[in-house]
Amino acid sequence: MSKEQLATMAKEAMERAYSPYSGYKVGAALLCKDGSVYTGCNVENASFSATNCAERTAFFKAVSEGKKEFAAIAVCGGKDGVIEGLFPPCGVCRQVMREFCADDFEIHLLKSDGIETYTLEQLLPVSFRPENLHE
């Protein structure tokens, strides 16, 4: 699957976001190594700490269905669902990615005029990994 196809799925997921407090809608499309895709959107809550990001929604959906090997994710966001600038994953989402993904896991960030691609290693260098618990 191309990054453009994954990006289209992220845009569609963004439309389902529940963001009555911030007005910022975020969508994500997670590509599994077997070719399946899980989408997610942000789901806000009045007690902000209970809010869940689009990226984690996609990962948790996939893991709950037995998937644990991932190739890439596309993420987009913007006020009132209008894509603006980059919406990179927050630190918590990056740590969730680290739990399941290798350094070369691709993160495609949509913006109004294209897509920028980063690896997990670029966005989360010198990270805490599951292996750190077994040393």
N, C-alpha and C. Protein backbone atom coordinates (compact mmCIF):
# COMPACT_ATOMS: atom_id res chain seq x y z
N MET A 1 0.84 -1.18 0.00
CA MET A 1 0.00 0.00 0.00
C MET A 1 0.89 1.24 0.00
N SER A 2 0.53 2.21 -0.81
CA SER A 2 1.32 3.43 -0.89
C SER A 2 1.03 4.36 0.30
N LYS A 3 1.96 5.26 0.55
CA LYS A 3 1.74 6.21 1.64
C LYS A 3 0.56 7.13 1.32
N GLU A 4 0.30 7.38 0.03
CA GLU A 4 -0.83 8.20 -0.35
C GLU A 4 -2.16 7.50 -0.03
N GLN A 5 -2.23 6.19 -0.27
CA GLN A 5 -3.44 5.44 0.06
C GLN A 5 -3.66 5.42 1.57
N LEU A 6 -2.58 5.23 2.32
CA LEU A 6 -2.67 5.24 3.77
C LEU A 6 -3.11 6.62 4.26
N ALA A 7 -2.59 7.65 3.62
CA ALA A 7 -2.96 9.03 3.98
C ALA A 7 -4.45 9.28 3.76
N THR A 8 -5.00 8.76 2.68
CA THR A 8 -6.42 8.92 2.40
C THR A 8 -7.25 8.27 3.50
N MET A 9 -6.82 7.12 3.97
CA MET A 9 -7.54 6.43 5.04
C MET A 9 -7.45 7.23 6.35
N ALA A 10 -6.31 7.87 6.59
CA ALA A 10 -6.16 8.71 7.79
C ALA A 10 -7.10 9.91 7.72
N LYS A 11 -7.23 10.50 6.53
CA LYS A 11 -8.15 11.64 6.37
C LYS A 11 -9.59 11.22 6.65
N GLU A 12 -9.96 10.04 6.17
CA GLU A 12 -11.31 9.54 6.42
C GLU A 12 -11.54 9.30 7.91
N ALA A 13 -10.53 8.78 8.59
CA ALA A 13 -10.64 8.55 10.04
C ALA A 13 -10.76 9.87 10.79
N MET A 14 -10.07 10.90 10.32
CA MET A 14 -10.11 12.21 10.96
C MET A 14 -11.54 12.74 11.01
N GLU A 15 -12.34 12.42 10.01
CA GLU A 15 -13.72 12.90 9.96
C GLU A 15 -14.57 12.34 11.09
N ARG A 16 -14.15 11.21 11.68
CA ARG A 16 -14.91 10.58 12.76
C ARG A 16 -14.45 11.02 14.15
N ALA A 17 -13.49 11.93 14.21
CA ALA A 17 -12.96 12.38 15.51
C ALA A 17 -14.06 12.99 16.37
N TYR A 18 -13.89 12.80 17.68
CA TYR A 18 -14.78 13.41 18.67
C TYR A 18 -13.94 14.42 19.42
N SER A 19 -14.08 15.69 19.04
CA SER A 19 -13.22 16.72 19.62
C SER A 19 -14.01 17.99 19.96
N PRO A 20 -15.01 17.87 20.85
CA PRO A 20 -15.84 19.03 21.16
C PRO A 20 -15.13 20.10 22.00
N TYR A 21 -14.01 19.79 22.59
CA TYR A 21 -13.33 20.74 23.48
C TYR A 21 -12.23 21.52 22.77
N SER A 22 -11.38 20.83 22.03
CA SER A 22 -10.29 21.51 21.34
C SER A 22 -10.67 21.92 19.93
N GLY A 23 -11.57 21.18 19.32
CA GLY A 23 -11.91 21.43 17.92
C GLY A 23 -10.91 20.84 16.95
N TYR A 24 -9.83 20.25 17.47
CA TYR A 24 -8.81 19.65 16.61
C TYR A 24 -9.16 18.20 16.35
N LYS A 25 -9.29 17.86 15.09
CA LYS A 25 -9.58 16.49 14.68
C LYS A 25 -8.29 15.86 14.18
N VAL A 26 -8.04 14.62 14.60
CA VAL A 26 -6.84 13.90 14.18
C VAL A 26 -7.26 12.51 13.73
N GLY A 27 -6.66 12.06 12.63
CA GLY A 27 -6.93 10.73 12.12
C GLY A 27 -5.64 9.99 11.89
N ALA A 28 -5.70 8.67 12.00
CA ALA A 28 -4.52 7.83 11.78
C ALA A 28 -4.95 6.56 11.05
N ALA A 29 -4.04 6.05 10.22
CA ALA A 29 -4.25 4.77 9.55
C ALA A 29 -2.97 3.96 9.73
N LEU A 30 -3.10 2.81 10.38
CA LEU A 30 -1.97 1.97 10.76
C LEU A 30 -1.90 0.76 9.83
N LEU A 31 -0.80 0.61 9.13
CA LEU A 31 -0.59 -0.51 8.21
C LEU A 31 0.15 -1.64 8.93
N CYS A 32 -0.50 -2.80 8.97
CA CYS A 32 0.12 -3.99 9.56
C CYS A 32 1.00 -4.65 8.51
N LYS A 33 1.96 -5.42 8.95
CA LYS A 33 2.85 -6.09 8.02
C LYS A 33 2.12 -7.09 7.13
N ASP A 34 0.95 -7.57 7.56
CA ASP A 34 0.18 -8.50 6.73
C ASP A 34 -0.70 -7.77 5.71
N GLY A 35 -0.62 -6.44 5.67
CA GLY A 35 -1.38 -5.66 4.70
C GLY A 35 -2.71 -5.12 5.22
N SER A 36 -3.15 -5.56 6.38
CA SER A 36 -4.39 -5.03 6.94
C SER A 36 -4.14 -3.63 7.49
N VAL A 37 -5.20 -2.85 7.58
CA VAL A 37 -5.10 -1.47 8.05
C VAL A 37 -6.14 -1.24 9.15
N TYR A 38 -5.72 -0.57 10.21
CA TYR A 38 -6.60 -0.18 11.31
C TYR A 38 -6.56 1.34 11.41
N THR A 39 -7.73 1.94 11.48
CA THR A 39 -7.78 3.38 11.58
C THR A 39 -8.14 3.81 13.00
N GLY A 40 -7.87 5.06 13.28
CA GLY A 40 -8.20 5.62 14.59
C GLY A 40 -8.41 7.11 14.48
N CYS A 41 -9.15 7.66 15.43
CA CYS A 41 -9.33 9.10 15.52
C CYS A 41 -9.18 9.48 16.99
N ASN A 42 -8.97 10.76 17.22
CA ASN A 42 -8.90 11.20 18.60
C ASN A 42 -10.29 11.22 19.21
N VAL A 43 -10.36 10.87 20.49
CA VAL A 43 -11.61 10.85 21.23
C VAL A 43 -11.37 11.64 22.51
N GLU A 44 -11.90 12.86 22.54
CA GLU A 44 -11.69 13.73 23.70
C GLU A 44 -12.67 13.40 24.81
N ASN A 45 -12.34 13.90 25.99
CA ASN A 45 -13.17 13.69 27.17
C ASN A 45 -13.10 14.96 28.01
N ALA A 46 -14.19 15.29 28.69
CA ALA A 46 -14.22 16.49 29.52
C ALA A 46 -13.12 16.49 30.58
N SER A 47 -12.75 15.31 31.08
CA SER A 47 -11.60 15.23 31.99
C SER A 47 -10.41 14.88 31.12
N PHE A 48 -9.76 15.88 30.58
CA PHE A 48 -8.80 15.76 29.49
C PHE A 48 -7.85 14.56 29.58
N SER A 49 -7.51 14.12 30.77
CA SER A 49 -6.57 12.99 30.87
C SER A 49 -7.16 11.69 30.32
N ALA A 50 -8.47 11.63 30.17
CA ALA A 50 -9.12 10.43 29.62
C ALA A 50 -9.19 10.45 28.09
N THR A 51 -8.69 11.50 27.49
CA THR A 51 -8.67 11.61 26.03
C THR A 51 -7.72 10.58 25.45
N ASN A 52 -8.06 10.05 24.27
CA ASN A 52 -7.18 9.09 23.59
C ASN A 52 -6.85 9.62 22.19
N CYS A 53 -5.59 9.55 21.84
CA CYS A 53 -5.12 10.04 20.55
C CYS A 53 -5.48 9.08 19.41
N ALA A 54 -5.50 9.59 18.20
CA ALA A 54 -5.82 8.79 17.02
C ALA A 54 -4.84 7.63 16.84
N GLU A 55 -3.55 7.91 17.05
CA GLU A 55 -2.54 6.87 16.84
C GLU A 55 -2.73 5.70 17.81
N ARG A 56 -2.95 6.03 19.08
CA ARG A 56 -3.15 4.96 20.06
C ARG A 56 -4.46 4.22 19.80
N THR A 57 -5.49 4.93 19.36
CA THR A 57 -6.74 4.26 19.02
C THR A 57 -6.49 3.21 17.95
N ALA A 58 -5.75 3.56 16.91
CA ALA A 58 -5.44 2.61 15.82
C ALA A 58 -4.62 1.43 16.34
N PHE A 59 -3.59 1.72 17.13
CA PHE A 59 -2.76 0.64 17.67
C PHE A 59 -3.57 -0.28 18.57
N PHE A 60 -4.37 0.28 19.45
CA PHE A 60 -5.13 -0.55 20.39
C PHE A 60 -6.18 -1.39 19.67
N LYS A 61 -6.80 -0.83 18.62
CA LYS A 61 -7.74 -1.63 17.83
C LYS A 61 -7.02 -2.81 17.20
N ALA A 62 -5.85 -2.54 16.61
CA ALA A 62 -5.10 -3.61 15.94
C ALA A 62 -4.65 -4.68 16.94
N VAL A 63 -4.10 -4.26 18.05
CA VAL A 63 -3.62 -5.22 19.05
C VAL A 63 -4.79 -6.03 19.61
N SER A 64 -5.93 -5.38 19.80
CA SER A 64 -7.09 -6.10 20.33
C SER A 64 -7.61 -7.15 19.36
N GLU A 65 -7.21 -7.03 18.09
CA GLU A 65 -7.59 -8.02 17.08
C GLU A 65 -6.45 -9.01 16.80
N GLY A 66 -5.41 -8.96 17.62
CA GLY A 66 -4.32 -9.93 17.50
C GLY A 66 -3.14 -9.51 16.66
N LYS A 67 -3.13 -8.29 16.15
CA LYS A 67 -2.01 -7.81 15.32
C LYS A 67 -0.92 -7.24 16.21
N LYS A 68 0.31 -7.55 15.87
CA LYS A 68 1.43 -7.02 16.65
C LYS A 68 2.64 -6.69 15.79
N GLU A 69 2.50 -6.76 14.47
CA GLU A 69 3.59 -6.42 13.56
C GLU A 69 3.12 -5.34 12.60
N PHE A 70 3.82 -4.20 12.63
CA PHE A 70 3.37 -3.02 11.90
C PHE A 70 4.44 -2.48 10.98
N ALA A 71 4.01 -1.89 9.87
CA ALA A 71 4.93 -1.36 8.87
C ALA A 71 4.98 0.16 8.83
N ALA A 72 3.81 0.81 8.99
CA ALA A 72 3.76 2.26 8.84
C ALA A 72 2.46 2.80 9.41
N ILE A 73 2.47 4.11 9.64
CA ILE A 73 1.25 4.80 10.06
C ILE A 73 1.22 6.15 9.36
N ALA A 74 0.01 6.59 8.98
CA ALA A 74 -0.20 7.93 8.44
C ALA A 74 -1.03 8.70 9.45
N VAL A 75 -0.67 9.97 9.66
CA VAL A 75 -1.35 10.79 10.66
C VAL A 75 -1.63 12.16 10.05
N CYS A 76 -2.84 12.68 10.30
CA CYS A 76 -3.16 14.03 9.87
C CYS A 76 -4.08 14.67 10.89
N GLY A 77 -4.10 15.99 10.89
CA GLY A 77 -4.97 16.68 11.82
C GLY A 77 -5.08 18.16 11.52
N GLY A 78 -6.07 18.77 12.17
CA GLY A 78 -6.24 20.20 12.00
C GLY A 78 -7.51 20.69 12.68
N LYS A 79 -7.56 21.96 12.91
CA LYS A 79 -8.73 22.60 13.53
C LYS A 79 -9.95 22.41 12.64
N ASP A 80 -11.02 21.95 13.24
CA ASP A 80 -12.28 21.71 12.54
C ASP A 80 -12.13 20.79 11.34
N GLY A 81 -11.13 19.89 11.38
CA GLY A 81 -10.95 18.91 10.33
C GLY A 81 -10.24 19.41 9.09
N VAL A 82 -9.67 20.60 9.15
CA VAL A 82 -8.92 21.14 8.03
C VAL A 82 -7.43 20.86 8.27
N ILE A 83 -6.81 20.10 7.38
CA ILE A 83 -5.40 19.74 7.56
C ILE A 83 -4.55 20.99 7.47
N GLU A 84 -3.71 21.16 8.49
CA GLU A 84 -2.83 22.32 8.55
C GLU A 84 -1.53 21.89 9.20
N GLY A 85 -0.43 22.22 8.59
CA GLY A 85 0.86 21.87 9.17
C GLY A 85 0.96 20.39 9.50
N LEU A 86 1.96 20.04 10.26
CA LEU A 86 2.16 18.66 10.67
C LEU A 86 1.52 18.40 12.02
N PHE A 87 1.01 17.21 12.21
CA PHE A 87 0.49 16.77 13.49
C PHE A 87 1.28 15.54 13.90
N PRO A 88 2.51 15.72 14.39
CA PRO A 88 3.32 14.56 14.78
C PRO A 88 2.75 13.90 16.03
N PRO A 89 3.00 12.61 16.19
CA PRO A 89 2.51 11.90 17.37
C PRO A 89 3.08 12.49 18.66
N CYS A 90 2.26 12.50 19.71
CA CYS A 90 2.72 12.96 21.01
C CYS A 90 3.71 11.95 21.60
N GLY A 91 4.30 12.27 22.70
CA GLY A 91 5.28 11.39 23.33
C GLY A 91 4.70 10.06 23.77
N VAL A 92 3.48 10.08 24.28
CA VAL A 92 2.84 8.83 24.71
C VAL A 92 2.61 7.92 23.51
N CYS A 93 2.13 8.49 22.41
CA CYS A 93 1.92 7.68 21.20
C CYS A 93 3.24 7.13 20.66
N ARG A 94 4.28 7.93 20.71
CA ARG A 94 5.59 7.45 20.26
C ARG A 94 6.06 6.28 21.12
N GLN A 95 5.80 6.35 22.41
CA GLN A 95 6.20 5.24 23.29
C GLN A 95 5.39 3.98 22.99
N VAL A 96 4.12 4.12 22.67
CA VAL A 96 3.31 2.97 22.28
C VAL A 96 3.87 2.37 20.99
N MET A 97 4.24 3.22 20.05
CA MET A 97 4.86 2.73 18.82
C MET A 97 6.12 1.95 19.12
N ARG A 98 6.93 2.44 20.05
CA ARG A 98 8.18 1.78 20.42
C ARG A 98 7.92 0.39 20.97
N GLU A 99 6.82 0.20 21.64
CA GLU A 99 6.49 -1.11 22.20
C GLU A 99 6.37 -2.18 21.10
N PHE A 100 5.88 -1.78 19.93
CA PHE A 100 5.59 -2.75 18.89
C PHE A 100 6.43 -2.61 17.62
N CYS A 101 7.12 -1.51 17.46
CA CYS A 101 7.73 -1.21 16.15
C CYS A 101 9.25 -1.09 16.21
N ALA A 102 9.87 -1.44 15.10
CA ALA A 102 11.32 -1.33 14.95
C ALA A 102 11.71 0.11 14.60
N ASP A 103 13.00 0.37 14.65
CA ASP A 103 13.51 1.71 14.35
C ASP A 103 13.07 2.22 12.98
N ASP A 104 12.92 1.32 12.01
CA ASP A 104 12.59 1.75 10.65
C ASP A 104 11.09 1.88 10.38
N PHE A 105 10.26 1.73 11.39
CA PHE A 105 8.81 1.93 11.26
C PHE A 105 8.58 3.33 10.69
N GLU A 106 7.78 3.43 9.62
CA GLU A 106 7.57 4.71 8.95
C GLU A 106 6.36 5.45 9.49
N ILE A 107 6.54 6.74 9.71
CA ILE A 107 5.48 7.62 10.19
C ILE A 107 5.30 8.70 9.13
N HIS A 108 4.15 8.63 8.43
CA HIS A 108 3.85 9.58 7.36
C HIS A 108 2.97 10.68 7.93
N LEU A 109 3.47 11.90 7.90
CA LEU A 109 2.74 13.04 8.44
C LEU A 109 2.21 13.89 7.30
N LEU A 110 0.90 13.99 7.22
CA LEU A 110 0.26 14.76 6.15
C LEU A 110 0.25 16.23 6.51
N LYS A 111 0.41 17.04 5.50
CA LYS A 111 0.22 18.48 5.64
C LYS A 111 -0.55 18.94 4.41
N SER A 112 -0.92 20.18 4.35
CA SER A 112 -1.78 20.64 3.27
C SER A 112 -1.15 20.48 1.89
N ASP A 113 0.17 20.48 1.82
CA ASP A 113 0.83 20.41 0.52
C ASP A 113 1.69 19.15 0.32
N GLY A 114 1.39 18.09 1.04
CA GLY A 114 2.14 16.86 0.81
C GLY A 114 2.27 16.01 2.06
N ILE A 115 3.26 15.13 2.02
CA ILE A 115 3.50 14.17 3.10
C ILE A 115 4.99 14.19 3.45
N GLU A 116 5.28 14.27 4.74
CA GLU A 116 6.66 14.12 5.21
C GLU A 116 6.75 12.77 5.92
N THR A 117 7.82 12.03 5.65
CA THR A 117 7.99 10.71 6.24
C THR A 117 9.19 10.70 7.16
N TYR A 118 8.99 10.11 8.34
CA TYR A 118 10.05 9.95 9.33
C TYR A 118 10.06 8.50 9.77
N THR A 119 11.17 8.08 10.37
CA THR A 119 11.19 6.77 11.00
C THR A 119 10.96 6.96 12.50
N LEU A 120 10.61 5.88 13.16
CA LEU A 120 10.43 5.95 14.60
C LEU A 120 11.73 6.37 15.28
N GLU A 121 12.84 5.88 14.79
CA GLU A 121 14.14 6.25 15.37
C GLU A 121 14.37 7.76 15.27
N GLN A 122 13.94 8.38 14.19
CA GLN A 122 14.11 9.83 14.04
C GLN A 122 13.23 10.60 15.03
N LEU A 123 12.03 10.10 15.27
CA LEU A 123 11.11 10.81 16.17
C LEU A 123 11.27 10.43 17.64
N LEU A 124 11.95 9.30 17.89
CA LEU A 124 12.11 8.86 19.28
C LEU A 124 13.50 8.23 19.47
N PRO A 125 14.53 9.05 19.35
CA PRO A 125 15.89 8.52 19.51
C PRO A 125 16.18 8.20 20.98
N VAL A 126 17.09 7.31 21.22
CA VAL A 126 17.52 6.93 22.57
C VAL A 126 16.29 6.65 23.44
N SER A 127 15.45 5.78 22.96
CA SER A 127 14.18 5.52 23.63
C SER A 127 14.23 4.34 24.58
N PHE A 128 13.28 4.33 25.50
CA PHE A 128 13.09 3.20 26.41
C PHE A 128 12.35 2.12 25.64
N ARG A 129 12.93 0.92 25.61
CA ARG A 129 12.39 -0.19 24.82
C ARG A 129 12.05 -1.36 25.73
N PRO A 130 11.19 -2.25 25.25
CA PRO A 130 10.88 -3.44 26.04
C PRO A 130 12.13 -4.21 26.46
N GLU A 131 13.14 -4.20 25.60
CA GLU A 131 14.39 -4.92 25.91
C GLU A 131 15.07 -4.35 27.17
N ASN A 132 14.82 -3.08 27.48
CA ASN A 132 15.43 -2.48 28.66
C ASN A 132 14.98 -3.16 29.95
N LEU A 133 13.85 -3.82 29.93
CA LEU A 133 13.35 -4.51 31.11
C LEU A 133 14.01 -5.87 31.31
N HIS A 134 14.74 -6.34 30.30
CA HIS A 134 15.33 -7.67 30.35
C HIS A 134 16.85 -7.65 30.41
N GLU A 135 17.41 -6.50 30.65
CA GLU A 135 18.87 -6.41 30.69
C GLU A 135 19.42 -6.66 32.09
